[in-house]
Amino acid sequence: MATADPTPPADTAPDERLRRWRLVLGDASQERCASLNDTDARMDEALGALYDRQDGDDGPSGNDRKAGLGASAPKVARWLGDIRTYFPSSVVRVMQTDAMRRLGLNQMLTEPEMLESVEPDVHLVGTLLSLNKVMPQQARESARGVVRRVVEDLERRLRDRTRSVVRGALDRSARTHRPRRVADIDWDRTIRRNLANYLPEQRTVVPETLVGYGRRSQGVQRHVTLAVDQSGSMASSVVYASVFAAVLASIRTLRTSLVVFDTSVVDMTERLSDPVEVLFGTQLGGGTDINRAIAYCQGLLTRPSESVFVLVSDLHEGGIRDEMVRRVAAMTASGVRVVVLLALSDEGAPAYDRQNAAALAELGVPAFACTPDEFPDLMAAAIQGDSLTGWVERHQAERG
């Protein structure tokens, strides 16, 4: 049985006792136990799909919720997503393992017909990744094929525009209007900038504004570091962040690092040539230590004024909260452009820690949800040093 011990502490209210027994015993106890609210009803449905006896099941009769195979398995993607939503990660792992054994879920995941009948999408990838650690090897290989199809589709959709927008931002940020030497002047752009100052009688352009090449040291690149929270609620964000990190890593004038974290920190930068390998190196669920992740990333940012740090997290901090805020303040003070995304997906912001978001906003670091289509423009704004607060306000106004 996947649920916790239904016997509550002595000081638990009677209604809570009845609620817990109702979830344990199932529909048959409806008259004797508490009614369920909408959230509890969805929890009960998820439990029933896995543990309720079906007509024709062998075994002793009774009203208690017993484990056993039903006539049909739950709809895989929805059911696995539901249990991540309504149960703690320790319980989710038990239920997933039970589903593999009792509902033949591993067979479903290894049958080509089943995988072909499901429309692969980001949500399915998140589901498969959450099952990664309990899958048998054959199922893992089948899942890898599905994940690769989704990742390749995302790369095709996002690659060209991301490269174009980010390269343009890098080019613009490298220019200066105060070139120190004639050799530093970009004559083509200088002429275009000053066409309004053309003197027909002299057949010349008066260059009131000079546009020059930046004077960065040879070999110095902009550095983008993404730190991605592996919490179960961040599954879609993990997928999109991994794909974007791989695309950014393909831009030669940009140095890209990818770090994923829960209570530990894993640097995925060496795997960025294959985002599928990145995704299968993640582990969705578990605790969260944002402070530890930021501390690790601070060590990567050797040239703060040339760096952009992107934190993708719902900000539910399990580590040292005050130290986390101080680290972000130190980053911004050193010249790092800090971006905090509550989500990188099409689903909007999840439940997030509003107190931490407000503390970051006071530092001039707004925390907001960003869609995949908006992300290239966001990166361009960060690279160019534009106001991120202004960027957020404009895009929120455009969304209506």
Protein backbone atom coordinates (compact mmCIF):
# COMPACT_ATOMS: atom_id res chain seq x y z
CA MET A 1 0.00 0.00 0.00
CA ALA A 2 1.45 3.34 -1.06
CA THR A 3 -0.23 5.69 1.38
CA ALA A 4 1.19 6.62 4.74
CA ASP A 5 -0.01 5.01 7.96
CA PRO A 6 -3.67 6.13 8.25
CA THR A 7 -3.51 6.25 12.03
CA PRO A 8 -3.15 9.96 12.81
CA PRO A 9 -1.56 11.50 15.89
CA ALA A 10 -3.76 11.75 18.96
CA ASP A 11 -4.29 15.49 18.47
CA THR A 12 -5.53 15.12 14.88
CA ALA A 13 -9.08 16.45 14.44
CA PRO A 14 -11.85 13.85 13.95
CA ASP A 15 -12.64 15.19 10.45
CA GLU A 16 -9.02 14.65 9.42
CA ARG A 17 -9.12 11.09 10.76
CA LEU A 18 -12.24 10.37 8.71
CA ARG A 19 -10.69 11.95 5.63
CA ARG A 20 -7.60 9.74 5.90
CA TRP A 21 -9.65 6.58 6.43
CA ARG A 22 -11.83 7.51 3.45
CA LEU A 23 -8.72 7.72 1.22
CA VAL A 24 -7.45 4.40 2.56
CA LEU A 25 -10.73 2.46 2.30
CA GLY A 26 -12.07 3.81 -0.98
CA ASP A 27 -15.61 4.40 -2.27
CA ALA A 28 -17.18 1.76 -0.07
CA SER A 29 -16.53 3.89 3.02
CA GLN A 30 -18.19 7.02 1.60
CA GLU A 31 -21.23 6.85 3.90
CA ARG A 32 -19.24 6.29 7.08
CA CYS A 33 -16.32 8.63 6.44
CA ALA A 34 -15.84 12.24 5.42
CA SER A 35 -16.79 13.52 1.97
CA LEU A 36 -13.88 14.48 -0.26
CA ASN A 37 -13.15 17.88 -1.69
CA ASP A 38 -12.00 18.24 -5.31
CA THR A 39 -8.31 17.74 -4.57
CA ASP A 40 -8.96 14.71 -2.36
CA ALA A 41 -11.26 13.27 -5.01
CA ARG A 42 -8.44 13.41 -7.56
CA MET A 43 -6.10 11.78 -5.06
CA ASP A 44 -8.72 9.08 -4.50
CA GLU A 45 -9.06 8.52 -8.25
CA ALA A 46 -5.30 8.11 -8.60
CA LEU A 47 -5.20 5.63 -5.72
CA GLY A 48 -8.20 3.75 -7.08
CA ALA A 49 -6.63 3.35 -10.52
CA LEU A 50 -3.76 1.48 -8.93
CA TYR A 51 -5.13 -0.20 -5.80
CA ASP A 52 -8.89 -0.78 -6.08
CA ARG A 53 -10.12 -4.32 -6.69
CA GLN A 54 -12.02 -4.81 -9.90
CA ASP A 55 -14.94 -7.13 -10.65
CA GLY A 56 -13.67 -10.66 -10.89
CA ASP A 57 -10.59 -10.13 -8.72
CA ASP A 58 -9.70 -13.12 -6.63
CA GLY A 59 -9.22 -12.85 -2.93
CA PRO A 60 -11.27 -12.26 0.17
CA SER A 61 -14.13 -9.83 -0.01
CA GLY A 62 -14.09 -6.63 1.94
CA ASN A 63 -14.33 -2.89 1.67
CA ASP A 64 -10.70 -2.02 2.28
CA ARG A 65 -8.55 -0.78 -0.56
CA LYS A 66 -6.37 -3.74 -1.55
CA ALA A 67 -3.68 -4.02 -4.19
CA GLY A 68 -4.59 -5.97 -7.30
CA LEU A 69 -4.72 -5.89 -11.08
CA GLY A 70 -7.75 -4.21 -12.53
CA ALA A 71 -9.40 -4.74 -15.87
CA SER A 72 -7.51 -1.83 -17.39
CA ALA A 73 -4.50 0.32 -16.61
CA PRO A 74 -4.86 4.06 -15.98
CA LYS A 75 -4.06 6.49 -18.72
CA VAL A 76 -0.34 6.48 -18.22
CA ALA A 77 0.72 10.07 -18.77
CA ARG A 78 -2.18 11.62 -16.86
CA TRP A 79 -2.03 9.18 -13.96
CA LEU A 80 1.72 9.52 -13.47
CA GLY A 81 1.39 13.29 -13.62
CA ASP A 82 -1.43 13.23 -11.07
CA ILE A 83 0.48 11.23 -8.50
CA ARG A 84 3.44 13.64 -8.76
CA THR A 85 1.00 16.47 -8.09
CA TYR A 86 -0.86 15.02 -5.11
CA PHE A 87 1.66 12.87 -3.23
CA PRO A 88 5.14 13.44 -1.76
CA SER A 89 8.09 12.11 -3.74
CA SER A 90 8.68 9.18 -1.37
CA VAL A 91 5.11 7.97 -1.94
CA VAL A 92 5.30 8.64 -5.69
CA ARG A 93 8.30 6.33 -5.98
CA VAL A 94 6.39 3.51 -4.22
CA MET A 95 3.31 4.01 -6.39
CA GLN A 96 5.37 4.06 -9.58
CA THR A 97 7.09 0.84 -8.57
CA ASP A 98 3.73 -0.76 -7.73
CA ALA A 99 2.35 0.36 -11.09
CA MET A 100 5.28 -1.23 -12.92
CA ARG A 101 4.58 -4.52 -11.16
CA ARG A 102 0.78 -4.59 -10.73
CA LEU A 103 -0.49 -2.81 -13.85
CA GLY A 104 2.08 -4.10 -16.30
CA LEU A 105 3.28 -0.54 -16.85
CA ASN A 106 6.75 -1.70 -17.88
CA GLN A 107 5.18 -3.81 -20.63
CA MET A 108 3.16 -0.82 -21.82
CA LEU A 109 6.30 1.31 -21.99
CA THR A 110 8.19 -1.32 -23.99
CA GLU A 111 5.43 -2.03 -26.51
CA PRO A 112 5.99 -0.05 -29.73
CA GLU A 113 2.23 0.01 -30.36
CA MET A 114 1.61 1.78 -27.06
CA LEU A 115 4.35 4.36 -27.59
CA GLU A 116 3.23 5.01 -31.16
CA SER A 117 -0.36 5.56 -30.02
CA VAL A 118 0.66 8.33 -27.63
CA GLU A 119 1.42 11.77 -29.02
CA PRO A 120 4.89 12.51 -27.67
CA ASP A 121 5.12 15.90 -25.98
CA VAL A 122 6.96 17.68 -23.22
CA HIS A 123 4.58 16.34 -20.57
CA LEU A 124 5.16 12.75 -21.64
CA VAL A 125 8.91 13.35 -21.52
CA GLY A 126 8.57 14.62 -17.95
CA THR A 127 6.60 11.50 -17.05
CA LEU A 128 9.16 9.16 -18.58
CA LEU A 129 12.03 10.96 -16.88
CA SER A 130 10.29 10.68 -13.52
CA LEU A 131 10.11 6.90 -14.07
CA ASN A 132 13.72 6.60 -15.19
CA LYS A 133 15.11 5.20 -11.96
CA VAL A 134 12.49 2.46 -11.61
CA MET A 135 12.35 1.38 -15.27
CA PRO A 136 13.87 -1.91 -16.39
CA GLN A 137 16.61 -1.47 -18.99
CA GLN A 138 14.43 -2.43 -21.97
CA ALA A 139 11.79 0.12 -20.99
CA ARG A 140 14.46 2.77 -20.51
CA GLU A 141 15.69 2.28 -24.07
CA SER A 142 12.15 2.60 -25.44
CA ALA A 143 11.63 5.74 -23.38
CA ARG A 144 14.89 7.17 -24.66
CA GLY A 145 13.58 6.88 -28.23
CA VAL A 146 10.40 8.79 -27.33
CA VAL A 147 12.39 11.48 -25.52
CA ARG A 148 14.73 11.88 -28.49
CA ARG A 149 11.77 12.41 -30.86
CA VAL A 150 10.41 15.20 -28.65
CA VAL A 151 13.81 16.81 -28.15
CA GLU A 152 14.61 16.80 -31.86
CA ASP A 153 11.24 18.40 -32.61
CA LEU A 154 11.86 21.10 -29.99
CA GLU A 155 15.34 21.76 -31.35
CA ARG A 156 13.99 22.21 -34.87
CA ARG A 157 11.36 24.62 -33.59
CA LEU A 158 13.58 26.66 -31.29
CA ARG A 159 17.11 26.48 -32.73
CA ASP A 160 17.16 28.95 -35.62
CA ARG A 161 15.34 31.81 -33.90
CA THR A 162 17.33 31.39 -30.69
CA ARG A 163 20.63 31.49 -32.54
CA SER A 164 19.59 34.48 -34.63
CA VAL A 165 18.29 36.56 -31.73
CA VAL A 166 21.14 35.74 -29.34
CA ARG A 167 23.86 36.27 -31.96
CA GLY A 168 22.32 39.63 -32.80
CA ALA A 169 22.36 40.58 -29.12
CA LEU A 170 25.99 39.50 -28.78
CA ASP A 171 26.90 41.57 -31.83
CA ARG A 172 25.12 44.67 -30.52
CA SER A 173 26.56 44.32 -27.03
CA ALA A 174 30.07 44.11 -28.49
CA ARG A 175 29.82 47.52 -30.23
CA THR A 176 30.88 50.83 -28.80
CA HIS A 177 30.06 54.41 -29.76
CA ARG A 178 33.48 55.56 -28.53
CA PRO A 179 36.08 53.59 -30.52
CA ARG A 180 39.58 54.47 -29.37
CA ARG A 181 41.40 53.79 -32.64
CA VAL A 182 40.60 54.12 -36.33
CA ALA A 183 41.07 50.37 -36.63
CA ASP A 184 38.23 49.89 -34.13
CA ILE A 185 35.65 51.72 -36.26
CA ASP A 186 32.99 49.63 -38.00
CA TRP A 187 32.73 51.79 -41.12
CA ASP A 188 29.78 50.01 -42.66
CA ARG A 189 27.56 50.52 -39.59
CA THR A 190 28.94 54.01 -39.00
CA ILE A 191 27.91 55.09 -42.51
CA ARG A 192 24.46 53.55 -42.12
CA ARG A 193 24.00 55.28 -38.76
CA ASN A 194 24.89 58.70 -40.26
CA LEU A 195 23.11 58.64 -43.63
CA ALA A 196 20.93 61.52 -42.45
CA ASN A 197 24.10 63.63 -42.36
CA TYR A 198 24.91 63.17 -46.05
CA LEU A 199 26.15 66.38 -47.74
CA PRO A 200 25.30 66.21 -51.46
CA GLU A 201 27.60 69.07 -52.44
CA GLN A 202 30.53 67.35 -50.75
CA ARG A 203 29.35 63.86 -51.66
CA THR A 204 30.21 62.70 -48.20
CA VAL A 205 28.66 61.64 -44.89
CA VAL A 206 29.49 63.52 -41.72
CA PRO A 207 30.03 60.82 -39.06
CA GLU A 208 28.58 62.51 -35.99
CA THR A 209 28.17 59.10 -34.32
CA LEU A 210 30.87 56.47 -34.61
CA VAL A 211 30.08 52.77 -34.30
CA GLY A 212 33.03 50.66 -33.28
CA TYR A 213 33.93 47.10 -32.47
CA GLY A 214 34.08 46.26 -28.80
CA ARG A 215 37.48 46.09 -27.13
CA ARG A 216 37.03 42.82 -25.28
CA SER A 217 40.15 40.80 -24.80
CA GLN A 218 40.76 38.23 -27.49
CA GLY A 219 39.06 34.91 -26.72
CA VAL A 220 36.72 36.29 -24.00
CA GLN A 221 33.13 35.11 -24.43
CA ARG A 222 29.85 35.95 -22.83
CA HIS A 223 29.07 33.26 -20.29
CA VAL A 224 25.51 32.01 -19.76
CA THR A 225 24.91 29.68 -16.82
CA LEU A 226 21.55 27.95 -16.33
CA ALA A 227 20.75 26.43 -12.93
CA VAL A 228 17.62 24.28 -13.14
CA ASP A 229 15.54 23.01 -10.22
CA GLN A 230 14.70 19.28 -10.55
CA SER A 231 11.56 19.42 -8.39
CA GLY A 232 8.71 17.30 -9.73
CA SER A 233 6.63 20.40 -10.53
CA MET A 234 9.45 21.69 -12.77
CA ALA A 235 9.43 18.75 -15.21
CA SER A 236 8.49 20.75 -18.33
CA SER A 237 10.95 23.48 -17.41
CA VAL A 238 13.75 20.92 -17.11
CA VAL A 239 13.01 19.68 -20.65
CA TYR A 240 12.92 23.14 -22.24
CA ALA A 241 15.96 24.39 -20.30
CA SER A 242 18.01 21.39 -21.44
CA VAL A 243 17.11 21.98 -25.08
CA PHE A 244 17.84 25.71 -24.88
CA ALA A 245 21.16 25.06 -23.12
CA ALA A 246 22.18 22.73 -25.97
CA VAL A 247 21.23 25.35 -28.56
CA LEU A 248 23.11 28.12 -26.73
CA ALA A 249 26.14 25.84 -26.41
CA SER A 250 26.25 25.62 -30.21
CA ILE A 251 26.93 29.38 -30.48
CA ARG A 252 30.72 29.72 -30.58
CA THR A 253 30.81 33.27 -29.25
CA LEU A 254 28.90 32.14 -26.17
CA ARG A 255 30.09 29.93 -23.34
CA THR A 256 27.22 27.94 -21.83
CA SER A 257 27.01 25.97 -18.60
CA LEU A 258 24.09 23.87 -17.37
CA VAL A 259 23.66 22.85 -13.73
CA VAL A 260 20.73 20.83 -12.35
CA PHE A 261 20.02 20.56 -8.66
CA ASP A 262 17.84 19.21 -5.88
CA THR A 263 19.63 18.91 -2.54
CA SER A 264 22.77 18.13 -4.53
CA VAL A 265 24.24 19.85 -7.57
CA VAL A 266 25.18 18.16 -10.86
CA ASP A 267 27.06 19.97 -13.64
CA MET A 268 25.73 18.78 -17.01
CA THR A 269 27.87 21.06 -19.17
CA GLU A 270 29.95 18.24 -20.65
CA ARG A 271 26.79 16.55 -21.96
CA LEU A 272 25.34 19.56 -23.77
CA SER A 273 26.16 18.13 -27.18
CA ASP A 274 23.26 15.70 -26.60
CA PRO A 275 20.29 17.08 -24.65
CA VAL A 276 18.78 13.59 -24.40
CA GLU A 277 21.80 12.52 -22.35
CA VAL A 278 21.30 15.62 -20.22
CA LEU A 279 17.68 14.75 -19.56
CA PHE A 280 18.43 11.16 -18.61
CA GLY A 281 21.05 12.48 -16.23
CA THR A 282 18.42 14.42 -14.29
CA GLN A 283 16.38 13.05 -11.42
CA LEU A 284 12.98 14.68 -11.03
CA GLY A 285 11.63 15.00 -7.49
CA GLY A 286 13.32 15.22 -4.15
CA GLY A 287 14.28 18.23 -2.04
CA THR A 288 15.60 21.62 -3.09
CA ASP A 289 18.70 23.54 -2.04
CA ILE A 290 18.82 26.67 -4.19
CA ASN A 291 21.50 28.26 -2.05
CA ARG A 292 23.89 25.36 -2.69
CA ALA A 293 23.26 25.54 -6.43
CA ILE A 294 23.91 29.29 -6.54
CA ALA A 295 27.08 28.82 -4.49
CA TYR A 296 28.36 26.31 -7.06
CA CYS A 297 27.48 28.60 -9.96
CA GLN A 298 29.24 31.55 -8.36
CA GLY A 299 32.45 29.57 -8.77
CA LEU A 300 31.82 29.30 -12.50
CA LEU A 301 31.35 33.03 -13.06
CA THR A 302 34.97 34.11 -13.33
CA ARG A 303 34.12 37.27 -15.33
CA PRO A 304 30.95 38.66 -13.70
CA SER A 305 30.53 41.63 -16.06
CA GLU A 306 30.46 39.21 -19.01
CA SER A 307 28.06 36.73 -17.37
CA VAL A 308 24.33 35.98 -17.38
CA PHE A 309 22.98 33.68 -14.66
CA VAL A 310 19.56 32.07 -15.23
CA LEU A 311 17.90 30.36 -12.25
CA VAL A 312 14.87 28.22 -13.14
CA SER A 313 13.05 27.39 -9.91
CA ASP A 314 9.75 27.79 -8.06
CA LEU A 315 11.88 29.27 -5.23
CA HIS A 316 10.69 26.83 -2.56
CA GLU A 317 13.99 26.82 -0.71
CA GLY A 318 14.97 23.90 1.47
CA GLY A 319 18.43 25.33 2.14
CA ILE A 320 19.50 28.55 3.84
CA ARG A 321 17.06 31.12 2.54
CA ASP A 322 18.79 34.31 3.76
CA GLU A 323 22.12 33.16 2.36
CA MET A 324 20.48 32.42 -0.98
CA VAL A 325 19.20 36.02 -1.17
CA ARG A 326 22.61 37.39 -0.15
CA ARG A 327 24.30 35.40 -2.90
CA VAL A 328 21.97 36.83 -5.54
CA ALA A 329 22.65 40.33 -4.19
CA ALA A 330 26.40 39.69 -4.43
CA MET A 331 26.04 38.46 -8.00
CA THR A 332 24.15 41.54 -9.16
CA ALA A 333 26.57 43.85 -7.32
CA SER A 334 29.50 42.23 -9.16
CA GLY A 335 27.90 42.86 -12.56
CA VAL A 336 26.26 39.50 -13.26
CA ARG A 337 22.92 39.75 -15.08
CA VAL A 338 20.63 37.56 -12.96
CA VAL A 339 17.41 36.11 -14.41
CA VAL A 340 14.95 34.12 -12.25
CA LEU A 341 12.32 32.05 -14.05
CA LEU A 342 9.55 30.48 -12.01
CA ALA A 343 8.87 28.31 -15.05
CA LEU A 344 10.18 27.89 -18.59
CA SER A 345 7.12 26.35 -20.19
CA ASP A 346 3.77 27.13 -21.81
CA GLU A 347 1.88 26.44 -18.57
CA GLY A 348 2.49 29.67 -16.68
CA ALA A 349 3.92 29.99 -13.19
CA PRO A 350 3.44 27.05 -10.81
CA ALA A 351 2.87 27.49 -7.10
CA TYR A 352 5.96 29.37 -5.94
CA ASP A 353 7.43 30.99 -2.84
CA ARG A 354 6.11 34.55 -3.01
CA GLN A 355 8.24 35.75 -0.11
CA ASN A 356 11.44 34.75 -1.86
CA ALA A 357 10.21 36.21 -5.15
CA ALA A 358 9.49 39.53 -3.41
CA ALA A 359 12.94 39.54 -1.78
CA LEU A 360 14.59 39.07 -5.18
CA ALA A 361 12.43 41.79 -6.74
CA GLU A 362 13.76 44.22 -4.12
CA LEU A 363 17.22 43.47 -5.50
CA GLY A 364 16.05 44.40 -9.00
CA VAL A 365 15.72 40.74 -10.00
CA PRO A 366 12.10 40.02 -11.01
CA ALA A 367 10.92 36.41 -10.77
CA PHE A 368 8.46 35.45 -13.50
CA ALA A 369 7.29 32.67 -15.80
CA CYS A 370 8.60 32.64 -19.36
CA THR A 371 7.32 30.74 -22.38
CA PRO A 372 9.75 28.97 -24.74
CA ASP A 373 8.84 31.43 -27.50
CA GLU A 374 9.78 34.39 -25.28
CA PHE A 375 13.06 32.94 -24.01
CA PRO A 376 15.31 34.02 -26.94
CA ASP A 377 14.17 37.65 -26.55
CA LEU A 378 14.71 37.44 -22.80
CA MET A 379 18.27 36.21 -23.32
CA ALA A 380 18.90 39.01 -25.82
CA ALA A 381 17.70 41.59 -23.28
CA ALA A 382 19.94 40.12 -20.57
CA ILE A 383 23.00 40.01 -22.84
CA GLN A 384 22.48 43.61 -23.96
CA GLY A 385 22.03 44.82 -20.39
CA ASP A 386 18.41 45.95 -20.86
CA SER A 387 16.15 46.40 -17.85
CA LEU A 388 14.64 43.00 -17.09
CA THR A 389 11.87 44.59 -15.03
CA GLY A 390 10.92 46.64 -18.07
CA TRP A 391 11.12 43.56 -20.28
CA VAL A 392 8.75 41.66 -17.99
CA GLU A 393 6.28 44.55 -17.85
CA ARG A 394 6.20 44.86 -21.64
CA HIS A 395 5.65 41.17 -22.23
CA GLN A 396 3.00 40.88 -19.53
CA ALA A 397 1.16 43.79 -21.16
CA GLU A 398 1.37 42.05 -24.54
CA ARG A 399 -0.12 38.90 -23.03
CA GLY A 400 -3.03 40.99 -21.83
